[in-house]
Full PDB file with SEQRES, HELIX, SHEET, SSBOND, CRYST1, ORIGX, SCALE, CONECT and MASTER records, all heavy atoms in Angstrom:
SEQRES   1 A   35  ILE VAL VAL ALA SER GLU ARG PRO VAL ILE GLN THR ILE          
SEQRES   2 A   35  LEU ASP VAL LYS THR ASP GLN VAL ARG GLU LEU MET ALA          
SEQRES   3 A   35  GLY GLU SER LEU ILE VAL LYS LYS ASP                          
HELIX    1 AA1 ARG A    7  LEU A   14  1                                   8    
HELIX    2 AA2 THR A   18  GLN A   20  5                                   3    
CRYST1    1.000    1.000    1.000  90.00  90.00  90.00 P 1           1          
ORIGX1      1.000000  0.000000  0.000000        0.00000                         
ORIGX2      0.000000  1.000000  0.000000        0.00000                         
ORIGX3      0.000000  0.000000  1.000000        0.00000                         
SCALE1      1.000000  0.000000  0.000000        0.00000                         
SCALE2      0.000000  1.000000  0.000000        0.00000                         
SCALE3      0.000000  0.000000  1.000000        0.00000                         
ATOM      1  N   ILE A   1       3.163  -0.103  -7.893  1.00  0.00           N  
ATOM      2  CA  ILE A   1       2.352   0.493  -6.843  1.00  0.00           C  
ATOM      3  C   ILE A   1       1.235  -0.446  -6.576  1.00  0.00           C  
ATOM      4  O   ILE A   1       0.572  -0.940  -7.490  1.00  0.00           O  
ATOM      5  CB  ILE A   1       1.761   1.878  -7.242  1.00  0.00           C  
ATOM      6  CG1 ILE A   1       2.908   2.852  -7.503  1.00  0.00           C  
ATOM      7  CG2 ILE A   1       0.805   2.413  -6.165  1.00  0.00           C  
ATOM      8  CD1 ILE A   1       2.465   4.143  -8.190  1.00  0.00           C  
ATOM      9  N   VAL A   2       1.029  -0.827  -5.248  1.00  0.00           N  
ATOM     10  CA  VAL A   2       0.009  -1.812  -4.926  1.00  0.00           C  
ATOM     11  C   VAL A   2      -0.825  -1.236  -3.731  1.00  0.00           C  
ATOM     12  O   VAL A   2      -0.312  -0.641  -2.835  1.00  0.00           O  
ATOM     13  CB  VAL A   2       0.666  -3.133  -4.431  1.00  0.00           C  
ATOM     14  CG1 VAL A   2      -0.349  -4.040  -3.823  1.00  0.00           C  
ATOM     15  CG2 VAL A   2       1.274  -3.804  -5.707  1.00  0.00           C  
ATOM     16  N   VAL A   3      -2.182  -1.482  -3.790  1.00  0.00           N  
ATOM     17  CA  VAL A   3      -3.050  -1.076  -2.773  1.00  0.00           C  
ATOM     18  C   VAL A   3      -3.964  -2.310  -2.430  1.00  0.00           C  
ATOM     19  O   VAL A   3      -4.344  -3.033  -3.336  1.00  0.00           O  
ATOM     20  CB  VAL A   3      -3.969   0.140  -3.143  1.00  0.00           C  
ATOM     21  CG1 VAL A   3      -4.872   0.519  -1.989  1.00  0.00           C  
ATOM     22  CG2 VAL A   3      -3.170   1.297  -3.609  1.00  0.00           C  
ATOM     23  N   ALA A   4      -4.123  -2.533  -1.157  1.00  0.00           N  
ATOM     24  CA  ALA A   4      -4.973  -3.660  -0.716  1.00  0.00           C  
ATOM     25  C   ALA A   4      -5.666  -3.250   0.606  1.00  0.00           C  
ATOM     26  O   ALA A   4      -5.336  -2.328   1.292  1.00  0.00           O  
ATOM     27  CB  ALA A   4      -4.157  -4.898  -0.545  1.00  0.00           C  
ATOM     28  N   SER A   5      -6.669  -4.067   0.968  1.00  0.00           N  
ATOM     29  CA  SER A   5      -7.391  -3.804   2.266  1.00  0.00           C  
ATOM     30  C   SER A   5      -6.594  -4.236   3.426  1.00  0.00           C  
ATOM     31  O   SER A   5      -6.942  -3.750   4.580  1.00  0.00           O  
ATOM     32  CB  SER A   5      -8.712  -4.557   2.168  1.00  0.00           C  
ATOM     33  OG  SER A   5      -9.553  -4.133   1.238  1.00  0.00           O  
ATOM     34  N   GLU A   6      -5.552  -5.047   3.283  1.00  0.00           N  
ATOM     35  CA  GLU A   6      -4.812  -5.567   4.384  1.00  0.00           C  
ATOM     36  C   GLU A   6      -3.328  -5.512   4.143  1.00  0.00           C  
ATOM     37  O   GLU A   6      -2.834  -5.822   3.108  1.00  0.00           O  
ATOM     38  CB  GLU A   6      -5.260  -6.976   4.710  1.00  0.00           C  
ATOM     39  CG  GLU A   6      -6.733  -7.066   5.033  1.00  0.00           C  
ATOM     40  CD  GLU A   6      -7.116  -8.450   5.658  1.00  0.00           C  
ATOM     41  OE1 GLU A   6      -6.273  -8.995   6.352  1.00  0.00           O  
ATOM     42  OE2 GLU A   6      -8.279  -8.892   5.448  1.00  0.00           O  
ATOM     43  N   ARG A   7      -2.586  -5.101   5.166  1.00  0.00           N  
ATOM     44  CA  ARG A   7      -1.114  -4.944   5.083  1.00  0.00           C  
ATOM     45  C   ARG A   7      -0.344  -6.230   4.845  1.00  0.00           C  
ATOM     46  O   ARG A   7       0.505  -6.253   3.980  1.00  0.00           O  
ATOM     47  CB  ARG A   7      -0.588  -4.202   6.322  1.00  0.00           C  
ATOM     48  CG  ARG A   7       0.900  -4.036   6.346  1.00  0.00           C  
ATOM     49  CD  ARG A   7       1.348  -3.029   7.411  1.00  0.00           C  
ATOM     50  NE  ARG A   7       0.855  -3.488   8.772  1.00  0.00           N  
ATOM     51  CZ  ARG A   7       1.048  -2.731   9.841  1.00  0.00           C  
ATOM     52  NH1 ARG A   7       1.641  -1.523   9.784  1.00  0.00           N  
ATOM     53  NH2 ARG A   7       0.601  -3.209  11.006  1.00  0.00           N  
ATOM     54  N   PRO A   8      -0.602  -7.299   5.655  1.00  0.00           N  
ATOM     55  CA  PRO A   8       0.243  -8.500   5.477  1.00  0.00           C  
ATOM     56  C   PRO A   8       0.099  -9.151   4.103  1.00  0.00           C  
ATOM     57  O   PRO A   8       0.996  -9.909   3.637  1.00  0.00           O  
ATOM     58  CB  PRO A   8      -0.244  -9.406   6.571  1.00  0.00           C  
ATOM     59  CG  PRO A   8      -1.601  -8.921   6.977  1.00  0.00           C  
ATOM     60  CD  PRO A   8      -1.538  -7.433   6.716  1.00  0.00           C  
ATOM     61  N   VAL A   9      -1.007  -8.925   3.447  1.00  0.00           N  
ATOM     62  CA  VAL A   9      -1.191  -9.416   2.064  1.00  0.00           C  
ATOM     63  C   VAL A   9      -0.067  -8.850   1.145  1.00  0.00           C  
ATOM     64  O   VAL A   9       0.489  -9.594   0.415  1.00  0.00           O  
ATOM     65  CB  VAL A   9      -2.615  -9.070   1.597  1.00  0.00           C  
ATOM     66  CG1 VAL A   9      -2.731  -9.392   0.061  1.00  0.00           C  
ATOM     67  CG2 VAL A   9      -3.645  -9.839   2.354  1.00  0.00           C  
ATOM     68  N   ILE A  10       0.124  -7.565   1.246  1.00  0.00           N  
ATOM     69  CA  ILE A  10       1.111  -6.877   0.453  1.00  0.00           C  
ATOM     70  C   ILE A  10       2.519  -7.388   0.837  1.00  0.00           C  
ATOM     71  O   ILE A  10       3.369  -7.685  -0.025  1.00  0.00           O  
ATOM     72  CB  ILE A  10       1.022  -5.371   0.545  1.00  0.00           C  
ATOM     73  CG1 ILE A  10      -0.360  -4.902   0.090  1.00  0.00           C  
ATOM     74  CG2 ILE A  10       2.138  -4.659  -0.222  1.00  0.00           C  
ATOM     75  CD1 ILE A  10      -0.621  -3.400   0.264  1.00  0.00           C  
ATOM     76  N   GLN A  11       2.720  -7.467   2.166  1.00  0.00           N  
ATOM     77  CA  GLN A  11       4.021  -7.908   2.639  1.00  0.00           C  
ATOM     78  C   GLN A  11       4.410  -9.308   2.106  1.00  0.00           C  
ATOM     79  O   GLN A  11       5.569  -9.525   1.628  1.00  0.00           O  
ATOM     80  CB  GLN A  11       3.997  -7.957   4.159  1.00  0.00           C  
ATOM     81  CG  GLN A  11       4.062  -6.632   4.914  1.00  0.00           C  
ATOM     82  CD  GLN A  11       4.085  -6.830   6.385  1.00  0.00           C  
ATOM     83  OE1 GLN A  11       3.148  -6.482   7.091  1.00  0.00           O  
ATOM     84  NE2 GLN A  11       5.245  -7.382   6.883  1.00  0.00           N  
ATOM     85  N   THR A  12       3.475 -10.216   2.166  1.00  0.00           N  
ATOM     86  CA  THR A  12       3.763 -11.581   1.782  1.00  0.00           C  
ATOM     87  C   THR A  12       4.005 -11.664   0.259  1.00  0.00           C  
ATOM     88  O   THR A  12       4.968 -12.332  -0.154  1.00  0.00           O  
ATOM     89  CB  THR A  12       2.576 -12.499   2.139  1.00  0.00           C  
ATOM     90  OG1 THR A  12       2.384 -12.463   3.567  1.00  0.00           O  
ATOM     91  CG2 THR A  12       2.814 -13.924   1.702  1.00  0.00           C  
ATOM     92  N   ILE A  13       3.197 -11.012  -0.469  1.00  0.00           N  
ATOM     93  CA  ILE A  13       3.235 -11.114  -1.959  1.00  0.00           C  
ATOM     94  C   ILE A  13       4.514 -10.435  -2.510  1.00  0.00           C  
ATOM     95  O   ILE A  13       5.148 -10.987  -3.439  1.00  0.00           O  
ATOM     96  CB  ILE A  13       1.973 -10.609  -2.642  1.00  0.00           C  
ATOM     97  CG1 ILE A  13       0.808 -11.502  -2.259  1.00  0.00           C  
ATOM     98  CG2 ILE A  13       2.067 -10.514  -4.129  1.00  0.00           C  
ATOM     99  CD1 ILE A  13      -0.581 -10.945  -2.589  1.00  0.00           C  
ATOM    100  N   LEU A  14       4.842  -9.267  -2.006  1.00  0.00           N  
ATOM    101  CA  LEU A  14       5.955  -8.520  -2.529  1.00  0.00           C  
ATOM    102  C   LEU A  14       7.232  -8.727  -1.699  1.00  0.00           C  
ATOM    103  O   LEU A  14       8.285  -8.119  -1.999  1.00  0.00           O  
ATOM    104  CB  LEU A  14       5.592  -7.016  -2.596  1.00  0.00           C  
ATOM    105  CG  LEU A  14       4.455  -6.681  -3.501  1.00  0.00           C  
ATOM    106  CD1 LEU A  14       4.235  -5.169  -3.522  1.00  0.00           C  
ATOM    107  CD2 LEU A  14       4.672  -7.209  -4.912  1.00  0.00           C  
ATOM    108  N   ASP A  15       7.105  -9.437  -0.613  1.00  0.00           N  
ATOM    109  CA  ASP A  15       8.274  -9.778   0.263  1.00  0.00           C  
ATOM    110  C   ASP A  15       8.902  -8.442   0.753  1.00  0.00           C  
ATOM    111  O   ASP A  15      10.122  -8.206   0.510  1.00  0.00           O  
ATOM    112  CB  ASP A  15       9.302 -10.592  -0.484  1.00  0.00           C  
ATOM    113  CG  ASP A  15      10.420 -11.087   0.435  1.00  0.00           C  
ATOM    114  OD1 ASP A  15      10.168 -11.109   1.681  1.00  0.00           O  
ATOM    115  OD2 ASP A  15      11.506 -11.408  -0.019  1.00  0.00           O  
ATOM    116  N   VAL A  16       8.029  -7.612   1.379  1.00  0.00           N  
ATOM    117  CA  VAL A  16       8.563  -6.366   1.933  1.00  0.00           C  
ATOM    118  C   VAL A  16       8.297  -6.312   3.404  1.00  0.00           C  
ATOM    119  O   VAL A  16       7.491  -7.018   3.945  1.00  0.00           O  
ATOM    120  CB  VAL A  16       7.931  -5.181   1.232  1.00  0.00           C  
ATOM    121  CG1 VAL A  16       8.330  -5.086  -0.239  1.00  0.00           C  
ATOM    122  CG2 VAL A  16       6.371  -5.229   1.333  1.00  0.00           C  
ATOM    123  N   LYS A  17       9.023  -5.404   4.076  1.00  0.00           N  
ATOM    124  CA  LYS A  17       8.841  -5.290   5.537  1.00  0.00           C  
ATOM    125  C   LYS A  17       7.646  -4.506   5.977  1.00  0.00           C  
ATOM    126  O   LYS A  17       7.072  -3.750   5.198  1.00  0.00           O  
ATOM    127  CB  LYS A  17      10.149  -4.653   6.134  1.00  0.00           C  
ATOM    128  CG  LYS A  17      11.398  -5.451   5.885  1.00  0.00           C  
ATOM    129  CD  LYS A  17      12.568  -4.795   6.537  1.00  0.00           C  
ATOM    130  CE  LYS A  17      13.885  -5.531   6.265  1.00  0.00           C  
ATOM    131  NZ  LYS A  17      13.839  -6.906   6.763  1.00  0.00           N  
ATOM    132  N   THR A  18       7.205  -4.716   7.178  1.00  0.00           N  
ATOM    133  CA  THR A  18       6.001  -4.058   7.696  1.00  0.00           C  
ATOM    134  C   THR A  18       6.053  -2.569   7.495  1.00  0.00           C  
ATOM    135  O   THR A  18       5.067  -1.979   7.054  1.00  0.00           O  
ATOM    136  CB  THR A  18       5.870  -4.373   9.189  1.00  0.00           C  
ATOM    137  OG1 THR A  18       5.727  -5.767   9.420  1.00  0.00           O  
ATOM    138  CG2 THR A  18       4.657  -3.709   9.805  1.00  0.00           C  
ATOM    139  N   ASP A  19       7.165  -1.936   7.873  1.00  0.00           N  
ATOM    140  CA  ASP A  19       7.255  -0.482   7.765  1.00  0.00           C  
ATOM    141  C   ASP A  19       7.267   0.071   6.374  1.00  0.00           C  
ATOM    142  O   ASP A  19       7.131   1.267   6.143  1.00  0.00           O  
ATOM    143  CB  ASP A  19       8.467   0.033   8.610  1.00  0.00           C  
ATOM    144  CG  ASP A  19       8.374  -0.256  10.060  1.00  0.00           C  
ATOM    145  OD1 ASP A  19       7.239  -0.426  10.540  1.00  0.00           O  
ATOM    146  OD2 ASP A  19       9.432  -0.319  10.771  1.00  0.00           O  
ATOM    147  N   GLN A  20       7.506  -0.755   5.388  1.00  0.00           N  
ATOM    148  CA  GLN A  20       7.476  -0.340   4.011  1.00  0.00           C  
ATOM    149  C   GLN A  20       6.055  -0.225   3.452  1.00  0.00           C  
ATOM    150  O   GLN A  20       5.860   0.397   2.416  1.00  0.00           O  
ATOM    151  CB  GLN A  20       8.266  -1.315   3.107  1.00  0.00           C  
ATOM    152  CG  GLN A  20       9.795  -1.249   3.397  1.00  0.00           C  
ATOM    153  CD  GLN A  20      10.495  -2.306   2.577  1.00  0.00           C  
ATOM    154  OE1 GLN A  20      10.568  -3.481   2.932  1.00  0.00           O  
ATOM    155  NE2 GLN A  20      11.023  -1.872   1.459  1.00  0.00           N  
ATOM    156  N   VAL A  21       5.088  -0.867   4.110  1.00  0.00           N  
ATOM    157  CA  VAL A  21       3.688  -0.801   3.653  1.00  0.00           C  
ATOM    158  C   VAL A  21       3.038   0.295   4.555  1.00  0.00           C  
ATOM    159  O   VAL A  21       3.045   0.141   5.764  1.00  0.00           O  
ATOM    160  CB  VAL A  21       3.021  -2.115   3.885  1.00  0.00           C  
ATOM    161  CG1 VAL A  21       1.585  -2.044   3.380  1.00  0.00           C  
ATOM    162  CG2 VAL A  21       3.762  -3.211   3.086  1.00  0.00           C  
ATOM    163  N   ARG A  22       2.479   1.297   3.869  1.00  0.00           N  
ATOM    164  CA  ARG A  22       1.885   2.398   4.624  1.00  0.00           C  
ATOM    165  C   ARG A  22       0.382   2.360   4.565  1.00  0.00           C  
ATOM    166  O   ARG A  22      -0.218   1.757   3.690  1.00  0.00           O  
ATOM    167  CB  ARG A  22       2.383   3.712   4.025  1.00  0.00           C  
ATOM    168  CG  ARG A  22       3.894   3.871   4.098  1.00  0.00           C  
ATOM    169  CD  ARG A  22       4.341   5.230   3.607  1.00  0.00           C  
ATOM    170  NE  ARG A  22       3.797   6.295   4.412  1.00  0.00           N  
ATOM    171  CZ  ARG A  22       3.901   7.571   4.126  1.00  0.00           C  
ATOM    172  NH1 ARG A  22       4.519   7.954   2.979  1.00  0.00           N  
ATOM    173  NH2 ARG A  22       3.438   8.526   4.897  1.00  0.00           N  
ATOM    174  N   GLU A  23      -0.235   2.905   5.588  1.00  0.00           N  
ATOM    175  CA  GLU A  23      -1.675   2.972   5.628  1.00  0.00           C  
ATOM    176  C   GLU A  23      -2.176   4.311   5.005  1.00  0.00           C  
ATOM    177  O   GLU A  23      -1.601   5.380   5.284  1.00  0.00           O  
ATOM    178  CB  GLU A  23      -2.152   2.909   7.157  1.00  0.00           C  
ATOM    179  CG  GLU A  23      -3.680   2.882   7.244  1.00  0.00           C  
ATOM    180  CD  GLU A  23      -4.128   2.613   8.653  1.00  0.00           C  
ATOM    181  OE1 GLU A  23      -3.287   2.671   9.583  1.00  0.00           O  
ATOM    182  OE2 GLU A  23      -5.357   2.456   8.802  1.00  0.00           O  
ATOM    183  N   LEU A  24      -3.161   4.200   4.158  1.00  0.00           N  
ATOM    184  CA  LEU A  24      -3.775   5.403   3.604  1.00  0.00           C  
ATOM    185  C   LEU A  24      -4.564   6.070   4.737  1.00  0.00           C  
ATOM    186  O   LEU A  24      -5.311   5.469   5.465  1.00  0.00           O  
ATOM    187  CB  LEU A  24      -4.706   5.013   2.502  1.00  0.00           C  
ATOM    188  CG  LEU A  24      -5.212   6.213   1.602  1.00  0.00           C  
ATOM    189  CD1 LEU A  24      -4.073   6.802   0.785  1.00  0.00           C  
ATOM    190  CD2 LEU A  24      -6.362   5.708   0.651  1.00  0.00           C  
ATOM    191  N   MET A  25      -4.293   7.304   4.915  1.00  0.00           N  
ATOM    192  CA  MET A  25      -4.883   8.067   6.132  1.00  0.00           C  
ATOM    193  C   MET A  25      -6.328   8.419   5.851  1.00  0.00           C  
ATOM    194  O   MET A  25      -6.782   8.483   4.679  1.00  0.00           O  
ATOM    195  CB  MET A  25      -4.067   9.265   6.362  1.00  0.00           C  
ATOM    196  CG  MET A  25      -2.657   9.013   6.858  1.00  0.00           C  
ATOM    197  SD  MET A  25      -2.563   8.210   8.509  1.00  0.00           S  
ATOM    198  CE  MET A  25      -2.276   6.441   8.049  1.00  0.00           C  
ATOM    199  N   ALA A  26      -7.006   8.702   6.928  1.00  0.00           N  
ATOM    200  CA  ALA A  26      -8.429   9.122   6.835  1.00  0.00           C  
ATOM    201  C   ALA A  26      -8.582  10.399   5.995  1.00  0.00           C  
ATOM    202  O   ALA A  26      -7.841  11.360   6.216  1.00  0.00           O  
ATOM    203  CB  ALA A  26      -8.985   9.363   8.231  1.00  0.00           C  
ATOM    204  N   GLY A  27      -9.478  10.366   5.022  1.00  0.00           N  
ATOM    205  CA  GLY A  27      -9.752  11.491   4.130  1.00  0.00           C  
ATOM    206  C   GLY A  27      -8.692  11.682   3.055  1.00  0.00           C  
ATOM    207  O   GLY A  27      -8.709  12.663   2.365  1.00  0.00           O  
ATOM    208  N   GLU A  28      -7.783  10.747   2.966  1.00  0.00           N  
ATOM    209  CA  GLU A  28      -6.642  10.839   2.037  1.00  0.00           C  
ATOM    210  C   GLU A  28      -6.948  10.028   0.735  1.00  0.00           C  
ATOM    211  O   GLU A  28      -7.593   9.069   0.788  1.00  0.00           O  
ATOM    212  CB  GLU A  28      -5.394  10.389   2.689  1.00  0.00           C  
ATOM    213  CG  GLU A  28      -4.094  10.677   1.949  1.00  0.00           C  
ATOM    214  CD  GLU A  28      -2.883  10.270   2.707  1.00  0.00           C  
ATOM    215  OE1 GLU A  28      -2.788   9.094   3.149  1.00  0.00           O  
ATOM    216  OE2 GLU A  28      -1.993  11.113   2.898  1.00  0.00           O  
ATOM    217  N   SER A  29      -6.425  10.500  -0.374  1.00  0.00           N  
ATOM    218  CA  SER A  29      -6.533   9.788  -1.613  1.00  0.00           C  
ATOM    219  C   SER A  29      -5.133   9.543  -2.190  1.00  0.00           C  
ATOM    220  O   SER A  29      -4.296  10.509  -2.218  1.00  0.00           O  
ATOM    221  CB  SER A  29      -7.363  10.566  -2.586  1.00  0.00           C  
ATOM    222  OG  SER A  29      -7.530   9.857  -3.804  1.00  0.00           O  
ATOM    223  N   LEU A  30      -4.928   8.331  -2.674  1.00  0.00           N  
ATOM    224  CA  LEU A  30      -3.685   8.018  -3.429  1.00  0.00           C  
ATOM    225  C   LEU A  30      -4.055   8.130  -4.908  1.00  0.00           C  
ATOM    226  O   LEU A  30      -5.029   7.497  -5.329  1.00  0.00           O  
ATOM    227  CB  LEU A  30      -3.235   6.628  -3.094  1.00  0.00           C  
ATOM    228  CG  LEU A  30      -1.994   6.107  -3.817  1.00  0.00           C  
ATOM    229  CD1 LEU A  30      -1.279   5.105  -2.850  1.00  0.00           C  
ATOM    230  CD2 LEU A  30      -2.281   5.425  -5.094  1.00  0.00           C  
ATOM    231  N   ILE A  31      -3.343   8.947  -5.648  1.00  0.00           N  
ATOM    232  CA  ILE A  31      -3.639   9.168  -7.045  1.00  0.00           C  
ATOM    233  C   ILE A  31      -2.426   8.888  -7.938  1.00  0.00           C  
ATOM    234  O   ILE A  31      -1.291   9.296  -7.596  1.00  0.00           O  
ATOM    235  CB  ILE A  31      -4.105  10.638  -7.290  1.00  0.00           C  
ATOM    236  CG1 ILE A  31      -5.473  10.878  -6.541  1.00  0.00           C  
ATOM    237  CG2 ILE A  31      -4.331  10.962  -8.808  1.00  0.00           C  
ATOM    238  CD1 ILE A  31      -5.926  12.322  -6.523  1.00  0.00           C  
ATOM    239  N   VAL A  32      -2.616   8.146  -8.932  1.00  0.00           N  
ATOM    240  CA  VAL A  32      -1.573   7.787  -9.909  1.00  0.00           C  
ATOM    241  C   VAL A  32      -1.938   8.299 -11.310  1.00  0.00           C  
ATOM    242  O   VAL A  32      -3.006   7.926 -11.799  1.00  0.00           O  
ATOM    243  CB  VAL A  32      -1.253   6.250  -9.913  1.00  0.00           C  
ATOM    244  CG1 VAL A  32      -0.079   6.007 -10.767  1.00  0.00           C  
ATOM    245  CG2 VAL A  32      -1.087   5.731  -8.550  1.00  0.00           C  
ATOM    246  N   LYS A  33      -1.145   9.133 -11.871  1.00  0.00           N  
ATOM    247  CA  LYS A  33      -1.361   9.666 -13.200  1.00  0.00           C  
ATOM    248  C   LYS A  33      -0.943   8.609 -14.239  1.00  0.00           C  
ATOM    249  O   LYS A  33      -0.205   7.621 -13.959  1.00  0.00           O  
ATOM    250  CB  LYS A  33      -0.651  10.945 -13.421  1.00  0.00           C  
ATOM    251  CG  LYS A  33      -1.174  12.113 -12.556  1.00  0.00           C  
ATOM    252  CD  LYS A  33      -2.557  12.473 -13.007  1.00  0.00           C  
ATOM    253  CE  LYS A  33      -2.667  13.079 -14.430  1.00  0.00           C  
ATOM    254  NZ  LYS A  33      -4.020  13.359 -14.818  1.00  0.00           N  
ATOM    255  N   LYS A  34      -1.292   8.872 -15.513  1.00  0.00           N  
ATOM    256  CA  LYS A  34      -0.962   7.971 -16.586  1.00  0.00           C  
ATOM    257  C   LYS A  34       0.558   7.769 -16.710  1.00  0.00           C  
ATOM    258  O   LYS A  34       1.071   6.672 -17.074  1.00  0.00           O  
ATOM    259  CB  LYS A  34      -1.509   8.513 -17.940  1.00  0.00           C  
ATOM    260  CG  LYS A  34      -1.186   7.641 -19.099  1.00  0.00           C  
ATOM    261  CD  LYS A  34      -1.788   8.186 -20.377  1.00  0.00           C  
ATOM    262  CE  LYS A  34      -1.511   7.254 -21.550  1.00  0.00           C  
ATOM    263  NZ  LYS A  34      -2.106   7.754 -22.806  1.00  0.00           N  
ATOM    264  N   ASP A  35       1.335   8.843 -16.375  1.00  0.00           N  
ATOM    265  CA  ASP A  35       2.766   8.711 -16.469  1.00  0.00           C  
ATOM    266  C   ASP A  35       3.417   8.019 -15.304  1.00  0.00           C  
ATOM    267  O   ASP A  35       4.612   7.832 -15.191  1.00  0.00           O  
ATOM    268  CB  ASP A  35       3.434  10.092 -16.621  1.00  0.00           C  
ATOM    269  CG  ASP A  35       3.128  10.997 -15.406  1.00  0.00           C  
ATOM    270  OD1 ASP A  35       2.596  10.566 -14.416  1.00  0.00           O  
ATOM    271  OD2 ASP A  35       3.540  12.180 -15.492  1.00  0.00           O  
TER     272      ASP A  35                                                      
MASTER        0    0    0    2    0    0    0    6  271    1    0    3          
END                                                                             
């Protein structure tokens, strides 16, 4: 799981398509548990 301030940064490093990188929506939180 990767989060960054800019989409193309993730695309380039992980070699993924534009539509595979999603924008965190306004007021939304991405949460990852220990598991």
